[in-house]
Amino acid sequence: MAKLNVAPTKSSMLQLKRDLAFAREGYEMLEQKRQILLLELMGTVESATLVQKEVEEKTAAAYKALREALIRMGTQRVSADATAPRPEPTVEVESRSLMGIHVPHVSAQHPAPQPAASLLAGSQAMDDVVTAFRPALEAIDRLAEIENSVFRLSREVRKTQRRVNALEKIFLPAYQLTISYITSVLEERERDEFVIMRLVKERIEERRRAPSRAPQ
């Protein structure tokens, strides 16, 4: 690990110690954020698994109803009934903030199915198809919301993990190494100054003890 390129002075060491304390605080906060995001991600993935299963079950039921309608009514009749006007679903997408991440919240309203009306007479089989697809669509709406949340959370977890690794493996060791280096340099300077001061003091004492020569 390379040390920082700073002058080995007391002022530099004091500044580095302040920066190191600040970096440690940032590391602890990022680590807490990473753990919270991981817990949230794990819970969201679990929810996605359950909703995915629900989507598969309700979609299978909806297509079963559609196959029965095709058998009973024929493709042409089902196609004609499918063009009948029906209330349009409304979808609103909002967002909530989680650790600074905007997680989507999908609110979809699928109107209750009404008896089909088209140029041809409606049928109970087609009403059953519409009724079966409604819960499937609602489950798909929830799955879309959850999968989008999983994507955003996983992306933020990776970003936070990179920052944590950078602090833990690069910045913090570099600050610690530089502070240790400057400390050793300053201690060496203090020892040198002590030795020089002691030598100067000894010279002064020697001169004081030496007898002064009488004038000729």
N, C-alpha and C. Protein backbone atom coordinates (compact mmCIF):
# COMPACT_ATOMS: atom_id res chain seq x y z
N MET A 1 0.85 -1.19 0.00
CA MET A 1 0.00 0.00 0.00
C MET A 1 0.88 1.24 0.00
N ALA A 2 0.72 2.13 -0.97
CA ALA A 2 1.53 3.34 -1.07
C ALA A 2 1.00 4.40 -0.11
N LYS A 3 1.93 5.12 0.50
CA LYS A 3 1.54 6.22 1.39
C LYS A 3 1.22 7.46 0.58
N LEU A 4 0.57 8.40 1.23
CA LEU A 4 0.19 9.63 0.57
C LEU A 4 1.41 10.53 0.39
N ASN A 5 1.37 11.33 -0.65
CA ASN A 5 2.48 12.22 -0.95
C ASN A 5 2.27 13.56 -0.24
N VAL A 6 2.63 13.60 1.04
CA VAL A 6 2.51 14.83 1.83
C VAL A 6 3.82 15.06 2.58
N ALA A 7 4.05 16.31 2.96
CA ALA A 7 5.26 16.65 3.69
C ALA A 7 5.20 16.06 5.10
N PRO A 8 6.28 15.47 5.59
CA PRO A 8 6.28 14.87 6.93
C PRO A 8 6.43 15.93 8.02
N THR A 9 5.38 16.69 8.25
CA THR A 9 5.39 17.74 9.27
C THR A 9 4.28 17.48 10.28
N LYS A 10 4.37 18.20 11.41
CA LYS A 10 3.35 18.03 12.45
C LYS A 10 1.98 18.49 11.95
N SER A 11 1.97 19.58 11.21
CA SER A 11 0.69 20.08 10.71
C SER A 11 0.06 19.08 9.74
N SER A 12 0.90 18.45 8.90
CA SER A 12 0.38 17.43 7.98
C SER A 12 -0.18 16.24 8.74
N MET A 13 0.50 15.83 9.80
CA MET A 13 0.04 14.69 10.58
C MET A 13 -1.28 15.01 11.27
N LEU A 14 -1.43 16.22 11.82
CA LEU A 14 -2.68 16.60 12.46
C LEU A 14 -3.83 16.60 11.47
N GLN A 15 -3.59 17.12 10.26
CA GLN A 15 -4.62 17.13 9.23
C GLN A 15 -4.99 15.71 8.79
N LEU A 16 -3.98 14.87 8.67
CA LEU A 16 -4.23 13.49 8.27
C LEU A 16 -5.03 12.75 9.33
N LYS A 17 -4.76 13.02 10.59
CA LYS A 17 -5.52 12.37 11.66
C LYS A 17 -6.97 12.81 11.64
N ARG A 18 -7.21 14.09 11.37
CA ARG A 18 -8.59 14.56 11.24
C ARG A 18 -9.27 13.89 10.05
N ASP A 19 -8.56 13.83 8.93
CA ASP A 19 -9.13 13.18 7.74
C ASP A 19 -9.39 11.70 7.99
N LEU A 20 -8.49 11.05 8.72
CA LEU A 20 -8.66 9.63 9.01
C LEU A 20 -9.88 9.39 9.89
N ALA A 21 -10.08 10.26 10.88
CA ALA A 21 -11.26 10.13 11.75
C ALA A 21 -12.54 10.31 10.94
N PHE A 22 -12.51 11.29 10.03
CA PHE A 22 -13.69 11.53 9.18
C PHE A 22 -13.93 10.34 8.26
N ALA A 23 -12.86 9.77 7.70
CA ALA A 23 -12.99 8.62 6.80
C ALA A 23 -13.52 7.41 7.54
N ARG A 24 -13.11 7.23 8.79
CA ARG A 24 -13.62 6.10 9.58
C ARG A 24 -15.11 6.26 9.86
N GLU A 25 -15.53 7.47 10.15
CA GLU A 25 -16.96 7.72 10.35
C GLU A 25 -17.74 7.40 9.07
N GLY A 26 -17.20 7.84 7.94
CA GLY A 26 -17.84 7.54 6.67
C GLY A 26 -17.89 6.05 6.39
N TYR A 27 -16.83 5.35 6.75
CA TYR A 27 -16.79 3.90 6.55
C TYR A 27 -17.86 3.20 7.38
N GLU A 28 -17.99 3.61 8.64
CA GLU A 28 -18.99 3.00 9.52
C GLU A 28 -20.41 3.27 9.00
N MET A 29 -20.66 4.50 8.53
CA MET A 29 -21.98 4.82 8.00
C MET A 29 -22.28 4.03 6.74
N LEU A 30 -21.29 3.89 5.86
CA LEU A 30 -21.50 3.13 4.63
C LEU A 30 -21.71 1.64 4.93
N GLU A 31 -21.00 1.14 5.93
CA GLU A 31 -21.16 -0.26 6.29
C GLU A 31 -22.56 -0.51 6.85
N GLN A 32 -23.06 0.42 7.66
CA GLN A 32 -24.42 0.30 8.17
C GLN A 32 -25.44 0.37 7.03
N LYS A 33 -25.20 1.29 6.10
CA LYS A 33 -26.09 1.40 4.94
C LYS A 33 -26.08 0.12 4.13
N ARG A 34 -24.90 -0.46 3.93
CA ARG A 34 -24.79 -1.70 3.15
C ARG A 34 -25.58 -2.83 3.81
N GLN A 35 -25.47 -2.93 5.13
CA GLN A 35 -26.18 -4.00 5.83
C GLN A 35 -27.69 -3.81 5.75
N ILE A 36 -28.15 -2.55 5.91
CA ILE A 36 -29.59 -2.27 5.80
C ILE A 36 -30.10 -2.59 4.40
N LEU A 37 -29.33 -2.19 3.40
CA LEU A 37 -29.73 -2.45 2.02
C LEU A 37 -29.77 -3.95 1.73
N LEU A 38 -28.81 -4.69 2.28
CA LEU A 38 -28.79 -6.13 2.06
C LEU A 38 -30.02 -6.79 2.68
N LEU A 39 -30.37 -6.37 3.88
CA LEU A 39 -31.56 -6.93 4.52
C LEU A 39 -32.82 -6.60 3.71
N GLU A 40 -32.89 -5.35 3.25
CA GLU A 40 -34.04 -4.94 2.43
C GLU A 40 -34.07 -5.72 1.12
N LEU A 41 -32.90 -5.91 0.52
CA LEU A 41 -32.83 -6.65 -0.74
C LEU A 41 -33.25 -8.10 -0.56
N MET A 42 -32.79 -8.73 0.51
CA MET A 42 -33.14 -10.12 0.76
C MET A 42 -34.65 -10.28 0.95
N GLY A 43 -35.25 -9.33 1.72
CA GLY A 43 -36.70 -9.38 1.91
C GLY A 43 -37.45 -9.15 0.62
N THR A 44 -36.95 -8.24 -0.22
CA THR A 44 -37.61 -7.96 -1.49
C THR A 44 -37.50 -9.12 -2.45
N VAL A 45 -36.34 -9.77 -2.47
CA VAL A 45 -36.16 -10.95 -3.33
C VAL A 45 -37.11 -12.07 -2.89
N GLU A 46 -37.26 -12.23 -1.59
CA GLU A 46 -38.19 -13.25 -1.09
C GLU A 46 -39.62 -12.94 -1.52
N SER A 47 -39.99 -11.64 -1.43
CA SER A 47 -41.32 -11.24 -1.87
C SER A 47 -41.49 -11.48 -3.37
N ALA A 48 -40.44 -11.20 -4.13
CA ALA A 48 -40.51 -11.40 -5.58
C ALA A 48 -40.72 -12.87 -5.91
N THR A 49 -40.09 -13.76 -5.15
CA THR A 49 -40.26 -15.19 -5.40
C THR A 49 -41.71 -15.62 -5.17
N LEU A 50 -42.30 -15.10 -4.09
CA LEU A 50 -43.69 -15.46 -3.78
C LEU A 50 -44.65 -14.90 -4.83
N VAL A 51 -44.42 -13.64 -5.22
CA VAL A 51 -45.31 -13.02 -6.21
C VAL A 51 -45.13 -13.67 -7.57
N GLN A 52 -43.91 -14.06 -7.89
CA GLN A 52 -43.67 -14.76 -9.15
C GLN A 52 -44.47 -16.06 -9.22
N LYS A 53 -44.50 -16.77 -8.11
CA LYS A 53 -45.29 -18.00 -8.05
C LYS A 53 -46.78 -17.68 -8.21
N GLU A 54 -47.23 -16.60 -7.57
CA GLU A 54 -48.63 -16.19 -7.69
C GLU A 54 -48.97 -15.82 -9.13
N VAL A 55 -48.04 -15.11 -9.80
CA VAL A 55 -48.27 -14.73 -11.20
C VAL A 55 -48.41 -15.98 -12.06
N GLU A 56 -47.53 -16.95 -11.85
CA GLU A 56 -47.59 -18.17 -12.65
C GLU A 56 -48.91 -18.90 -12.45
N GLU A 57 -49.36 -18.99 -11.19
CA GLU A 57 -50.61 -19.70 -10.91
C GLU A 57 -51.81 -18.99 -11.52
N LYS A 58 -51.87 -17.65 -11.34
CA LYS A 58 -53.04 -16.92 -11.82
C LYS A 58 -53.01 -16.77 -13.34
N THR A 59 -51.82 -16.68 -13.91
CA THR A 59 -51.73 -16.63 -15.37
C THR A 59 -52.15 -17.97 -15.98
N ALA A 60 -51.75 -19.05 -15.32
CA ALA A 60 -52.15 -20.37 -15.81
C ALA A 60 -53.67 -20.52 -15.75
N ALA A 61 -54.29 -20.02 -14.67
CA ALA A 61 -55.74 -20.10 -14.55
C ALA A 61 -56.43 -19.25 -15.62
N ALA A 62 -55.83 -18.07 -15.91
CA ALA A 62 -56.41 -17.19 -16.91
C ALA A 62 -56.34 -17.82 -18.30
N TYR A 63 -55.21 -18.42 -18.64
CA TYR A 63 -55.08 -19.04 -19.96
C TYR A 63 -55.92 -20.32 -20.06
N LYS A 64 -56.14 -20.96 -18.94
CA LYS A 64 -57.04 -22.12 -18.96
C LYS A 64 -58.46 -21.68 -19.33
N ALA A 65 -58.88 -20.54 -18.70
CA ALA A 65 -60.21 -20.01 -19.04
C ALA A 65 -60.27 -19.59 -20.51
N LEU A 66 -59.17 -19.03 -21.02
CA LEU A 66 -59.14 -18.62 -22.42
C LEU A 66 -59.21 -19.83 -23.35
N ARG A 67 -58.52 -20.92 -23.02
CA ARG A 67 -58.58 -22.12 -23.85
C ARG A 67 -59.99 -22.70 -23.86
N GLU A 68 -60.64 -22.69 -22.71
CA GLU A 68 -62.01 -23.20 -22.65
C GLU A 68 -62.96 -22.35 -23.49
N ALA A 69 -62.73 -21.02 -23.45
CA ALA A 69 -63.56 -20.13 -24.27
C ALA A 69 -63.33 -20.39 -25.75
N LEU A 70 -62.08 -20.64 -26.14
CA LEU A 70 -61.78 -20.92 -27.54
C LEU A 70 -62.45 -22.22 -27.98
N ILE A 71 -62.46 -23.20 -27.10
CA ILE A 71 -63.08 -24.48 -27.45
C ILE A 71 -64.60 -24.32 -27.60
N ARG A 72 -65.19 -23.58 -26.68
CA ARG A 72 -66.65 -23.44 -26.67
C ARG A 72 -67.15 -22.46 -27.73
N MET A 73 -66.36 -21.39 -27.98
CA MET A 73 -66.86 -20.31 -28.84
C MET A 73 -66.19 -20.27 -30.21
N GLY A 74 -64.95 -20.75 -30.28
CA GLY A 74 -64.22 -20.65 -31.53
C GLY A 74 -63.36 -19.39 -31.55
N THR A 75 -62.32 -19.43 -32.37
CA THR A 75 -61.37 -18.33 -32.42
C THR A 75 -62.02 -17.05 -32.91
N GLN A 76 -62.86 -17.15 -33.93
CA GLN A 76 -63.47 -15.94 -34.52
C GLN A 76 -64.36 -15.24 -33.51
N ARG A 77 -65.16 -15.99 -32.78
CA ARG A 77 -66.06 -15.40 -31.80
C ARG A 77 -65.28 -14.76 -30.64
N VAL A 78 -64.23 -15.45 -30.17
CA VAL A 78 -63.40 -14.90 -29.08
C VAL A 78 -62.72 -13.62 -29.53
N SER A 79 -62.21 -13.61 -30.76
CA SER A 79 -61.56 -12.41 -31.28
C SER A 79 -62.54 -11.25 -31.36
N ALA A 80 -63.76 -11.54 -31.76
CA ALA A 80 -64.77 -10.49 -31.86
C ALA A 80 -65.12 -9.95 -30.48
N ASP A 81 -65.31 -10.84 -29.51
CA ASP A 81 -65.63 -10.40 -28.16
C ASP A 81 -64.47 -9.64 -27.52
N ALA A 82 -63.26 -9.99 -27.91
CA ALA A 82 -62.10 -9.33 -27.34
C ALA A 82 -62.01 -7.86 -27.73
N THR A 83 -62.67 -7.51 -28.85
CA THR A 83 -62.63 -6.11 -29.30
C THR A 83 -63.71 -5.27 -28.65
N ALA A 84 -64.51 -5.86 -27.81
CA ALA A 84 -65.59 -5.10 -27.16
C ALA A 84 -64.99 -4.06 -26.22
N PRO A 85 -65.56 -2.87 -26.18
CA PRO A 85 -65.02 -1.82 -25.29
C PRO A 85 -65.21 -2.19 -23.82
N ARG A 86 -64.15 -2.02 -23.05
CA ARG A 86 -64.19 -2.28 -21.62
C ARG A 86 -63.45 -1.16 -20.89
N PRO A 87 -63.73 -0.96 -19.62
CA PRO A 87 -63.05 0.10 -18.86
C PRO A 87 -61.54 -0.10 -18.88
N GLU A 88 -60.80 0.99 -19.10
CA GLU A 88 -59.35 0.91 -19.15
C GLU A 88 -58.78 0.93 -17.72
N PRO A 89 -57.75 0.13 -17.48
CA PRO A 89 -57.11 0.18 -16.16
C PRO A 89 -56.32 1.48 -16.01
N THR A 90 -56.17 1.91 -14.79
CA THR A 90 -55.38 3.11 -14.49
C THR A 90 -54.15 2.70 -13.69
N VAL A 91 -53.03 3.25 -14.07
CA VAL A 91 -51.76 2.91 -13.40
C VAL A 91 -51.07 4.19 -12.96
N GLU A 92 -50.70 4.26 -11.70
CA GLU A 92 -49.95 5.39 -11.16
C GLU A 92 -48.65 4.85 -10.54
N VAL A 93 -47.55 5.51 -10.88
CA VAL A 93 -46.25 5.09 -10.36
C VAL A 93 -45.71 6.20 -9.48
N GLU A 94 -45.55 5.91 -8.22
CA GLU A 94 -44.95 6.84 -7.28
C GLU A 94 -43.63 6.25 -6.79
N SER A 95 -42.98 6.95 -5.90
CA SER A 95 -41.71 6.43 -5.38
C SER A 95 -41.59 6.76 -3.90
N ARG A 96 -40.91 5.88 -3.21
CA ARG A 96 -40.59 6.13 -1.81
C ARG A 96 -39.08 6.10 -1.66
N SER A 97 -38.60 6.82 -0.66
CA SER A 97 -37.15 6.94 -0.47
C SER A 97 -36.69 5.93 0.57
N LEU A 98 -35.67 5.16 0.22
CA LEU A 98 -35.07 4.20 1.13
C LEU A 98 -33.56 4.39 1.09
N MET A 99 -33.02 4.96 2.15
CA MET A 99 -31.57 5.23 2.22
C MET A 99 -31.10 6.03 1.00
N GLY A 100 -31.93 6.98 0.59
CA GLY A 100 -31.57 7.81 -0.55
C GLY A 100 -31.88 7.21 -1.90
N ILE A 101 -32.51 6.03 -1.93
CA ILE A 101 -32.86 5.37 -3.18
C ILE A 101 -34.34 5.57 -3.43
N HIS A 102 -34.69 5.91 -4.65
CA HIS A 102 -36.10 6.07 -5.02
C HIS A 102 -36.63 4.72 -5.50
N VAL A 103 -37.41 4.09 -4.63
CA VAL A 103 -37.98 2.79 -4.94
C VAL A 103 -39.40 3.00 -5.44
N PRO A 104 -39.76 2.42 -6.59
CA PRO A 104 -41.08 2.68 -7.18
C PRO A 104 -42.21 1.99 -6.41
N HIS A 105 -43.35 2.62 -6.46
CA HIS A 105 -44.58 2.03 -5.92
C HIS A 105 -45.65 2.14 -6.99
N VAL A 106 -46.10 1.00 -7.48
CA VAL A 106 -47.07 0.96 -8.57
C VAL A 106 -48.47 0.77 -7.99
N SER A 107 -49.35 1.68 -8.35
CA SER A 107 -50.74 1.59 -7.93
C SER A 107 -51.60 1.45 -9.18
N ALA A 108 -52.12 0.25 -9.39
CA ALA A 108 -52.93 -0.03 -10.59
C ALA A 108 -54.34 -0.39 -10.19
N GLN A 109 -55.28 0.18 -10.90
CA GLN A 109 -56.70 -0.10 -10.66
C GLN A 109 -57.27 -0.79 -11.90
N HIS A 110 -57.68 -2.03 -11.72
CA HIS A 110 -58.30 -2.79 -12.81
C HIS A 110 -59.80 -2.87 -12.52
N PRO A 111 -60.62 -2.16 -13.28
CA PRO A 111 -62.07 -2.15 -13.01
C PRO A 111 -62.65 -3.56 -13.04
N ALA A 112 -63.65 -3.75 -12.22
CA ALA A 112 -64.33 -5.05 -12.20
C ALA A 112 -64.89 -5.35 -13.58
N PRO A 113 -64.75 -6.58 -14.05
CA PRO A 113 -65.24 -6.92 -15.40
C PRO A 113 -66.75 -6.77 -15.51
N GLN A 114 -67.16 -6.24 -16.64
CA GLN A 114 -68.57 -6.10 -16.95
C GLN A 114 -68.94 -7.12 -18.03
N PRO A 115 -70.19 -7.44 -18.15
CA PRO A 115 -70.58 -8.37 -19.22
C PRO A 115 -70.13 -7.86 -20.58
N ALA A 116 -69.53 -8.72 -21.35
CA ALA A 116 -68.99 -8.31 -22.65
C ALA A 116 -70.10 -7.88 -23.58
N ALA A 117 -69.82 -6.86 -24.36
CA ALA A 117 -70.79 -6.39 -25.36
C ALA A 117 -70.05 -6.10 -26.64
N SER A 118 -70.48 -6.70 -27.72
CA SER A 118 -69.84 -6.48 -29.02
C SER A 118 -70.90 -6.62 -30.08
N LEU A 119 -70.47 -6.62 -31.32
CA LEU A 119 -71.42 -6.80 -32.40
C LEU A 119 -72.11 -8.15 -32.28
N LEU A 120 -71.40 -9.12 -31.76
CA LEU A 120 -72.00 -10.41 -31.49
C LEU A 120 -72.43 -10.45 -30.03
N ALA A 121 -73.31 -11.30 -29.70
CA ALA A 121 -73.79 -11.36 -28.32
C ALA A 121 -72.67 -11.80 -27.40
N GLY A 122 -72.68 -11.29 -26.20
CA GLY A 122 -71.67 -11.67 -25.23
C GLY A 122 -71.91 -13.09 -24.75
N SER A 123 -70.96 -13.60 -24.02
CA SER A 123 -71.07 -14.97 -23.54
C SER A 123 -70.47 -15.07 -22.15
N GLN A 124 -70.94 -16.05 -21.39
CA GLN A 124 -70.42 -16.29 -20.05
C GLN A 124 -68.97 -16.74 -20.09
N ALA A 125 -68.61 -17.49 -21.12
CA ALA A 125 -67.24 -17.98 -21.24
C ALA A 125 -66.25 -16.82 -21.37
N MET A 126 -66.63 -15.81 -22.16
CA MET A 126 -65.74 -14.68 -22.32
C MET A 126 -65.68 -13.84 -21.05
N ASP A 127 -66.80 -13.74 -20.34
CA ASP A 127 -66.79 -13.03 -19.06
C ASP A 127 -65.87 -13.73 -18.06
N ASP A 128 -65.87 -15.07 -18.13
CA ASP A 128 -64.99 -15.83 -17.25
C ASP A 128 -63.52 -15.56 -17.56
N VAL A 129 -63.22 -15.39 -18.85
CA VAL A 129 -61.84 -15.08 -19.25
C VAL A 129 -61.41 -13.73 -18.68
N VAL A 130 -62.28 -12.74 -18.84
CA VAL A 130 -61.97 -11.40 -18.32
C VAL A 130 -61.80 -11.44 -16.80
N THR A 131 -62.69 -12.17 -16.14
CA THR A 131 -62.61 -12.28 -14.68
C THR A 131 -61.32 -12.97 -14.25
N ALA A 132 -60.88 -13.98 -14.98
CA ALA A 132 -59.67 -14.73 -14.61
C ALA A 132 -58.41 -13.91 -14.85
N PHE A 133 -58.43 -13.04 -15.86
CA PHE A 133 -57.22 -12.26 -16.16
C PHE A 133 -57.02 -11.09 -15.20
N ARG A 134 -58.08 -10.65 -14.55
CA ARG A 134 -57.95 -9.50 -13.65
C ARG A 134 -56.96 -9.76 -12.51
N PRO A 135 -57.10 -10.84 -11.71
CA PRO A 135 -56.11 -11.08 -10.65
C PRO A 135 -54.72 -11.37 -11.20
N ALA A 136 -54.64 -11.94 -12.40
CA ALA A 136 -53.32 -12.18 -13.00
C ALA A 136 -52.63 -10.86 -13.31
N LEU A 137 -53.38 -9.91 -13.84
CA LEU A 137 -52.80 -8.59 -14.13
C LEU A 137 -52.40 -7.86 -12.86
N GLU A 138 -53.20 -7.99 -11.82
CA GLU A 138 -52.86 -7.35 -10.55
C GLU A 138 -51.57 -7.93 -9.97
N ALA A 139 -51.42 -9.24 -10.09
CA ALA A 139 -50.19 -9.87 -9.61
C ALA A 139 -48.99 -9.44 -10.44
N ILE A 140 -49.20 -9.30 -11.75
CA ILE A 140 -48.11 -8.83 -12.62
C ILE A 140 -47.70 -7.41 -12.25
N ASP A 141 -48.67 -6.57 -11.91
CA ASP A 141 -48.35 -5.21 -11.47
C ASP A 141 -47.45 -5.23 -10.24
N ARG A 142 -47.79 -6.07 -9.26
CA ARG A 142 -46.99 -6.16 -8.04
C ARG A 142 -45.60 -6.71 -8.35
N LEU A 143 -45.54 -7.69 -9.24
CA LEU A 143 -44.24 -8.27 -9.58
C LEU A 143 -43.35 -7.25 -10.28
N ALA A 144 -43.93 -6.44 -11.14
CA ALA A 144 -43.14 -5.40 -11.83
C ALA A 144 -42.57 -4.41 -10.82
N GLU A 145 -43.38 -4.04 -9.84
CA GLU A 145 -42.91 -3.13 -8.80
C GLU A 145 -41.77 -3.74 -8.00
N ILE A 146 -41.94 -4.99 -7.60
CA ILE A 146 -40.94 -5.64 -6.75
C ILE A 146 -39.65 -5.89 -7.52
N GLU A 147 -39.76 -6.33 -8.78
CA GLU A 147 -38.55 -6.60 -9.57
C GLU A 147 -37.78 -5.31 -9.83
N ASN A 148 -38.49 -4.21 -10.04
CA ASN A 148 -37.80 -2.93 -10.22
C ASN A 148 -37.09 -2.54 -8.93
N SER A 149 -37.73 -2.79 -7.79
CA SER A 149 -37.09 -2.50 -6.51
C SER A 149 -35.85 -3.35 -6.31
N VAL A 150 -35.94 -4.63 -6.70
CA VAL A 150 -34.78 -5.52 -6.59
C VAL A 150 -33.62 -4.99 -7.42
N PHE A 151 -33.92 -4.55 -8.63
CA PHE A 151 -32.87 -4.03 -9.52
C PHE A 151 -32.20 -2.80 -8.90
N ARG A 152 -33.00 -1.87 -8.39
CA ARG A 152 -32.43 -0.64 -7.84
C ARG A 152 -31.67 -0.91 -6.55
N LEU A 153 -32.21 -1.78 -5.71
CA LEU A 153 -31.53 -2.11 -4.46
C LEU A 153 -30.20 -2.82 -4.72
N SER A 154 -30.21 -3.79 -5.63
CA SER A 154 -28.97 -4.52 -5.94
C SER A 154 -27.92 -3.59 -6.53
N ARG A 155 -28.34 -2.65 -7.37
CA ARG A 155 -27.39 -1.69 -7.94
C ARG A 155 -26.80 -0.82 -6.85
N GLU A 156 -27.62 -0.38 -5.89
CA GLU A 156 -27.12 0.46 -4.80
C GLU A 156 -26.23 -0.34 -3.86
N VAL A 157 -26.55 -1.62 -3.65
CA VAL A 157 -25.70 -2.46 -2.81
C VAL A 157 -24.32 -2.59 -3.42
N ARG A 158 -24.25 -2.81 -4.74
CA ARG A 158 -22.95 -2.93 -5.41
C ARG A 158 -22.18 -1.62 -5.31
N LYS A 159 -22.86 -0.50 -5.49
CA LYS A 159 -22.19 0.79 -5.41
C LYS A 159 -21.65 1.03 -3.99
N THR A 160 -22.48 0.73 -2.99
CA THR A 160 -22.05 0.93 -1.61
C THR A 160 -20.91 -0.01 -1.25
N GLN A 161 -20.97 -1.26 -1.75
CA GLN A 161 -19.91 -2.22 -1.48
C GLN A 161 -18.58 -1.75 -2.06
N ARG A 162 -18.61 -1.17 -3.26
CA ARG A 162 -17.37 -0.65 -3.85
C ARG A 162 -16.78 0.47 -2.99
N ARG A 163 -17.64 1.34 -2.46
CA ARG A 163 -17.15 2.43 -1.62
C ARG A 163 -16.57 1.90 -0.31
N VAL A 164 -17.26 0.92 0.26
CA VAL A 164 -16.76 0.32 1.50
C VAL A 164 -15.40 -0.33 1.26
N ASN A 165 -15.27 -1.07 0.17
CA ASN A 165 -13.99 -1.72 -0.16
C ASN A 165 -12.89 -0.70 -0.40
N ALA A 166 -13.23 0.40 -1.08
CA ALA A 166 -12.22 1.43 -1.35
C ALA A 166 -11.71 2.04 -0.06
N LEU A 167 -12.62 2.33 0.87
CA LEU A 167 -12.20 2.89 2.16
C LEU A 167 -11.40 1.88 2.96
N GLU A 168 -11.89 0.65 2.98
CA GLU A 168 -11.28 -0.37 3.83
C GLU A 168 -9.91 -0.80 3.32
N LYS A 169 -9.76 -0.91 1.99
CA LYS A 169 -8.55 -1.51 1.43
C LYS A 169 -7.58 -0.49 0.83
N ILE A 170 -8.04 0.75 0.61
CA ILE A 170 -7.17 1.73 -0.04
C ILE A 170 -6.97 2.97 0.83
N PHE A 171 -8.07 3.69 1.07
CA PHE A 171 -7.93 4.99 1.73
C PHE A 171 -7.49 4.88 3.19
N LEU A 172 -8.18 4.07 3.98
CA LEU A 172 -7.82 3.96 5.39
C LEU A 172 -6.39 3.44 5.58
N PRO A 173 -5.99 2.35 4.90
CA PRO A 173 -4.59 1.91 5.05
C PRO A 173 -3.58 2.96 4.59
N ALA A 174 -3.92 3.72 3.53
CA ALA A 174 -2.98 4.75 3.06
C ALA A 174 -2.81 5.85 4.10
N TYR A 175 -3.91 6.28 4.72
CA TYR A 175 -3.82 7.29 5.78
C TYR A 175 -3.03 6.75 6.96
N GLN A 176 -3.31 5.52 7.37
CA GLN A 176 -2.61 4.95 8.52
C GLN A 176 -1.12 4.80 8.25
N LEU A 177 -0.78 4.35 7.05
CA LEU A 177 0.62 4.19 6.68
C LEU A 177 1.34 5.53 6.65
N THR A 178 0.68 6.54 6.11
CA THR A 178 1.29 7.87 6.03
C THR A 178 1.48 8.47 7.42
N ILE A 179 0.48 8.32 8.28
CA ILE A 179 0.61 8.83 9.65
C ILE A 179 1.74 8.12 10.38
N SER A 180 1.84 6.81 10.20
CA SER A 180 2.92 6.06 10.83
C SER A 180 4.28 6.51 10.31
N TYR A 181 4.36 6.77 9.01
CA TYR A 181 5.61 7.25 8.42
C TYR A 181 6.00 8.62 8.98
N ILE A 182 5.04 9.53 8.99
CA ILE A 182 5.33 10.87 9.49
C ILE A 182 5.71 10.82 10.97
N THR A 183 5.03 9.99 11.74
CA THR A 183 5.35 9.84 13.16
C THR A 183 6.79 9.38 13.34
N SER A 184 7.22 8.39 12.55
CA SER A 184 8.60 7.91 12.66
C SER A 184 9.61 8.97 12.24
N VAL A 185 9.27 9.76 11.20
CA VAL A 185 10.17 10.84 10.77
C VAL A 185 10.30 11.90 11.85
N LEU A 186 9.16 12.29 12.44
CA LEU A 186 9.20 13.31 13.49
C LEU A 186 9.95 12.81 14.72
N GLU A 187 9.77 11.54 15.07
CA GLU A 187 10.51 10.99 16.21
C GLU A 187 12.01 10.96 15.92
N GLU A 188 12.37 10.62 14.69
CA GLU A 188 13.79 10.62 14.31
C GLU A 188 14.37 12.03 14.39
N ARG A 189 13.59 13.01 13.95
CA ARG A 189 14.04 14.39 14.03
C ARG A 189 14.22 14.83 15.48
N GLU A 190 13.30 14.41 16.34
CA GLU A 190 13.41 14.76 17.76
C GLU A 190 14.64 14.13 18.38
N ARG A 191 14.94 12.90 18.00
CA ARG A 191 16.16 12.26 18.52
C ARG A 191 17.40 12.99 18.03
N ASP A 192 17.39 13.36 16.74
CA ASP A 192 18.55 14.09 16.21
C ASP A 192 18.71 15.43 16.92
N GLU A 193 17.60 16.12 17.11
CA GLU A 193 17.68 17.42 17.79
C GLU A 193 18.16 17.26 19.23
N PHE A 194 17.72 16.18 19.87
CA PHE A 194 18.15 15.93 21.24
C PHE A 194 19.65 15.69 21.30
N VAL A 195 20.15 14.88 20.35
CA VAL A 195 21.59 14.59 20.32
C VAL A 195 22.37 15.87 20.05
N ILE A 196 21.90 16.69 19.10
CA ILE A 196 22.59 17.94 18.78
C ILE A 196 22.60 18.87 19.99
N MET A 197 21.44 18.99 20.65
CA MET A 197 21.37 19.87 21.83
C MET A 197 22.28 19.37 22.94
N ARG A 198 22.38 18.06 23.10
CA ARG A 198 23.26 17.51 24.14
C ARG A 198 24.72 17.79 23.82
N LEU A 199 25.09 17.64 22.51
CA LEU A 199 26.46 17.93 22.12
C LEU A 199 26.79 19.41 22.33
N VAL A 200 25.84 20.28 21.97
CA VAL A 200 26.06 21.71 22.16
C VAL A 200 26.23 22.03 23.63
N LYS A 201 25.39 21.40 24.48
CA LYS A 201 25.48 21.64 25.91
C LYS A 201 26.82 21.17 26.46
N GLU A 202 27.28 19.99 25.97
CA GLU A 202 28.58 19.49 26.43
C GLU A 202 29.72 20.41 26.03
N ARG A 203 29.66 20.94 24.81
CA ARG A 203 30.70 21.88 24.35
C ARG A 203 30.72 23.13 25.23
N ILE A 204 29.52 23.61 25.53
CA ILE A 204 29.46 24.81 26.37
C ILE A 204 30.03 24.54 27.74
N GLU A 205 29.69 23.35 28.30
CA GLU A 205 30.23 23.00 29.62
C GLU A 205 31.73 22.85 29.57
N GLU A 206 32.26 22.27 28.49
CA GLU A 206 33.71 22.11 28.36
C GLU A 206 34.40 23.46 28.32
N ARG A 207 33.81 24.39 27.61
CA ARG A 207 34.42 25.72 27.53
C ARG A 207 34.38 26.43 28.88
N ARG A 208 33.33 26.20 29.62
CA ARG A 208 33.26 26.83 30.94
C ARG A 208 34.29 26.26 31.90
N ARG A 209 34.54 24.94 31.79
CA ARG A 209 35.49 24.32 32.69
C ARG A 209 36.94 24.56 32.28
N ALA A 210 37.16 24.85 31.00
CA ALA A 210 38.54 25.05 30.53
C ALA A 210 39.14 26.31 31.17
N PRO A 211 40.41 26.27 31.73
CA PRO A 211 41.05 27.47 32.32
C PRO A 211 41.35 28.52 31.27
N SER A 212 41.03 29.72 31.60
CA SER A 212 41.30 30.81 30.68
C SER A 212 42.77 31.18 30.69
N ARG A 213 43.38 31.47 29.55
CA ARG A 213 44.81 31.81 29.46
C ARG A 213 45.05 33.24 29.91
N ALA A 214 46.11 33.39 30.72
CA ALA A 214 46.46 34.76 31.18
C ALA A 214 47.08 35.53 30.04
N PRO A 215 46.84 36.82 29.93
CA PRO A 215 47.42 37.65 28.85
C PRO A 215 48.94 37.72 29.00
N GLN A 216 49.73 37.70 27.96
CA GLN A 216 51.19 37.77 27.94
C GLN A 216 51.66 39.17 28.28
